[in-house]
Each structure stands twice: as C-alpha cells, then as structure tokens.
Amino acid sequence: MDEDQIADVLKSERLGHDEPGMRSVYGHVSPAMRAELKAALQARWEDSLRPRAALSPVSAVPLLNQLLADIPPVSKPVRSHLAPKIGH
C-alpha cells in the first residue's frame, strides 16, 4: 500500500490498527480513498497474472485457468532468476 500512496488512515483501518494521536480524531476514510485502494489492488492483481501466465498458461485451479486464458502468450522464454547463469 505504501507503493500505491494509500493514506495512512486507510492502511491502519485495513490492518486493524488504531491511528495514534490527532490522526485518530481528524483522519477519516472516505469512499474515494476506498475506491483508490480497490483500483490499486485490482491493478496489482492483473499485473500478477502476466508473469504467472508466462510460467504456465494453464492451471489446475478452474478460476485461475479461466483468468489465464485471457492473457496473450509470451513470445520470449521465461528464465528463472534463481537458476545459475551458465557461460558467464
């Protein structure tokens, strides 16, 4: 949420924390804040599907398999960042 510049009062509410001091008195979550958070989380979810589809375009989980079907195939091979680099 920090990367998406979500307001501290909304982050605290979402995590189940109370805001300290005056922020708890004057800081309130608005419908616009909630909409902004929802849009940011939706974008992160959609962005996560592309790398997942690059690993494998199918899934044993029916809902995920349906979502992956809408992702265009990757034209270049995906290489692991964890595998040793051979020939360097």
C-alpha atoms as a PDB file:
ATOM      1  CA  MET A   1       0.000   0.000   0.000  1.00  0.00           C
ATOM      2  CA  ASP A   2       2.970   2.304   0.556  1.00  0.00           C
ATOM      3  CA  GLU A   3       3.996   1.939  -3.092  1.00  0.00           C
ATOM      4  CA  ASP A   4       0.482   2.954  -4.138  1.00  0.00           C
ATOM      5  CA  GLN A   5       0.479   6.019  -1.813  1.00  0.00           C
ATOM      6  CA  ILE A   6      -2.545   4.783   0.126  1.00  0.00           C
ATOM      7  CA  ALA A   7      -3.451   7.131   3.008  1.00  0.00           C
ATOM      8  CA  ASP A   8      -2.179   6.098   6.446  1.00  0.00           C
ATOM      9  CA  VAL A   9      -5.665   6.171   7.948  1.00  0.00           C
ATOM     10  CA  LEU A  10      -6.889   3.631   5.366  1.00  0.00           C
ATOM     11  CA  LYS A  11      -3.812   1.436   5.791  1.00  0.00           C
ATOM     12  CA  SER A  12      -4.351   1.391   9.547  1.00  0.00           C
ATOM     13  CA  GLU A  13      -8.021   0.552   9.200  1.00  0.00           C
ATOM     14  CA  ARG A  14      -7.280  -2.235   6.724  1.00  0.00           C
ATOM     15  CA  LEU A  15      -4.649  -3.728   9.038  1.00  0.00           C
ATOM     16  CA  GLY A  16      -6.905  -3.427  12.088  1.00  0.00           C
ATOM     17  CA  HIS A  17      -4.800  -0.796  13.851  1.00  0.00           C
ATOM     18  CA  ASP A  18      -5.850   2.430  15.563  1.00  0.00           C
ATOM     19  CA  GLU A  19      -4.297   5.663  14.362  1.00  0.00           C
ATOM     20  CA  PRO A  20      -2.309   7.401  17.082  1.00  0.00           C
ATOM     21  CA  GLY A  21      -2.964  10.902  18.397  1.00  0.00           C
ATOM     22  CA  MET A  22      -4.828  13.560  16.471  1.00  0.00           C
ATOM     23  CA  ARG A  23      -4.938  11.474  13.305  1.00  0.00           C
ATOM     24  CA  SER A  24      -7.460   9.191  15.015  1.00  0.00           C
ATOM     25  CA  VAL A  25      -9.659  12.205  15.796  1.00  0.00           C
ATOM     26  CA  TYR A  26      -9.475  14.041  12.468  1.00  0.00           C
ATOM     27  CA  GLY A  27      -8.498  11.360   9.971  1.00  0.00           C
ATOM     28  CA  HIS A  28     -11.376   9.502   8.337  1.00  0.00           C
ATOM     29  CA  VAL A  29     -11.596   7.074   5.457  1.00  0.00           C
ATOM     30  CA  SER A  30     -13.647   8.374   2.530  1.00  0.00           C
ATOM     31  CA  PRO A  31     -15.385   6.457  -0.275  1.00  0.00           C
ATOM     32  CA  ALA A  32     -12.849   7.971  -2.701  1.00  0.00           C
ATOM     33  CA  MET A  33      -9.987   6.509  -0.631  1.00  0.00           C
ATOM     34  CA  ARG A  34     -11.616   3.085  -0.710  1.00  0.00           C
ATOM     35  CA  ALA A  35     -12.102   3.341  -4.486  1.00  0.00           C
ATOM     36  CA  GLU A  36      -8.438   4.301  -4.915  1.00  0.00           C
ATOM     37  CA  LEU A  37      -7.323   1.315  -2.834  1.00  0.00           C
ATOM     38  CA  LYS A  38      -9.612  -1.024  -4.752  1.00  0.00           C
ATOM     39  CA  ALA A  39      -8.214   0.217  -8.086  1.00  0.00           C
ATOM     40  CA  ALA A  40      -4.620  -0.177  -6.867  1.00  0.00           C
ATOM     41  CA  LEU A  41      -5.221  -3.724  -5.628  1.00  0.00           C
ATOM     42  CA  GLN A  42      -7.038  -4.650  -8.845  1.00  0.00           C
ATOM     43  CA  ALA A  43      -4.123  -3.342 -10.926  1.00  0.00           C
ATOM     44  CA  ARG A  44      -1.627  -5.337  -8.854  1.00  0.00           C
ATOM     45  CA  TRP A  45      -3.746  -8.484  -9.271  1.00  0.00           C
ATOM     46  CA  GLU A  46      -3.986  -8.027 -13.045  1.00  0.00           C
ATOM     47  CA  ASP A  47      -0.253  -7.290 -13.290  1.00  0.00           C
ATOM     48  CA  SER A  48       0.495 -10.505 -11.388  1.00  0.00           C
ATOM     49  CA  LEU A  49      -1.367 -12.620 -13.943  1.00  0.00           C
ATOM     50  CA  ARG A  50       1.079 -11.835 -16.771  1.00  0.00           C
ATOM     51  CA  PRO A  51       4.168 -13.323 -15.054  1.00  0.00           C
ATOM     52  CA  ARG A  52       2.042 -16.260 -13.867  1.00  0.00           C
ATOM     53  CA  ALA A  53       0.851 -16.919 -17.423  1.00  0.00           C
ATOM     54  CA  ALA A  54       4.463 -16.757 -18.628  1.00  0.00           C
ATOM     55  CA  LEU A  55       5.363 -19.584 -16.254  1.00  0.00           C
ATOM     56  CA  SER A  56       2.474 -21.737 -17.471  1.00  0.00           C
ATOM     57  CA  PRO A  57      -0.601 -20.690 -19.433  1.00  0.00           C
ATOM     58  CA  VAL A  58      -2.799 -23.230 -17.615  1.00  0.00           C
ATOM     59  CA  SER A  59      -3.716 -24.003 -14.024  1.00  0.00           C
ATOM     60  CA  ALA A  60      -5.396 -26.855 -12.184  1.00  0.00           C
ATOM     61  CA  VAL A  61      -7.493 -24.235 -10.384  1.00  0.00           C
ATOM     62  CA  PRO A  62     -10.527 -23.630 -12.644  1.00  0.00           C
ATOM     63  CA  LEU A  63     -10.952 -19.926 -11.879  1.00  0.00           C
ATOM     64  CA  LEU A  64      -7.252 -19.165 -12.356  1.00  0.00           C
ATOM     65  CA  ASN A  65      -7.237 -21.233 -15.553  1.00  0.00           C
ATOM     66  CA  GLN A  66     -10.111 -19.101 -16.865  1.00  0.00           C
ATOM     67  CA  LEU A  67      -8.270 -15.867 -15.999  1.00  0.00           C
ATOM     68  CA  LEU A  68      -5.038 -17.097 -17.606  1.00  0.00           C
ATOM     69  CA  ALA A  69      -6.887 -17.904 -20.838  1.00  0.00           C
ATOM     70  CA  ASP A  70      -7.407 -14.161 -21.387  1.00  0.00           C
ATOM     71  CA  ILE A  71      -3.668 -13.381 -21.139  1.00  0.00           C
ATOM     72  CA  PRO A  72      -1.867 -13.243 -24.514  1.00  0.00           C
ATOM     73  CA  PRO A  73       1.033 -15.716 -24.844  1.00  0.00           C
ATOM     74  CA  VAL A  74       4.582 -14.564 -24.156  1.00  0.00           C
ATOM     75  CA  SER A  75       6.851 -14.551 -27.197  1.00  0.00           C
ATOM     76  CA  LYS A  76      10.166 -14.930 -25.359  1.00  0.00           C
ATOM     77  CA  PRO A  77      11.122 -17.757 -23.000  1.00  0.00           C
ATOM     78  CA  VAL A  78      10.958 -17.127 -19.288  1.00  0.00           C
ATOM     79  CA  ARG A  79      14.147 -17.822 -17.370  1.00  0.00           C
ATOM     80  CA  SER A  80      14.462 -18.317 -13.672  1.00  0.00           C
ATOM     81  CA  HIS A  81      16.229 -15.566 -11.749  1.00  0.00           C
ATOM     82  CA  LEU A  82      17.296 -18.228  -9.252  1.00  0.00           C
ATOM     83  CA  ALA A  83      18.994 -20.593 -11.689  1.00  0.00           C
ATOM     84  CA  PRO A  84      22.767 -20.213 -12.087  1.00  0.00           C
ATOM     85  CA  LYS A  85      23.918 -18.331 -15.146  1.00  0.00           C
ATOM     86  CA  ILE A  86      25.910 -20.719 -17.303  1.00  0.00           C
ATOM     87  CA  GLY A  87      28.542 -19.375 -19.668  1.00  0.00           C
ATOM     88  CA  HIS A  88      29.088 -16.016 -17.962  1.00  0.00           C
END
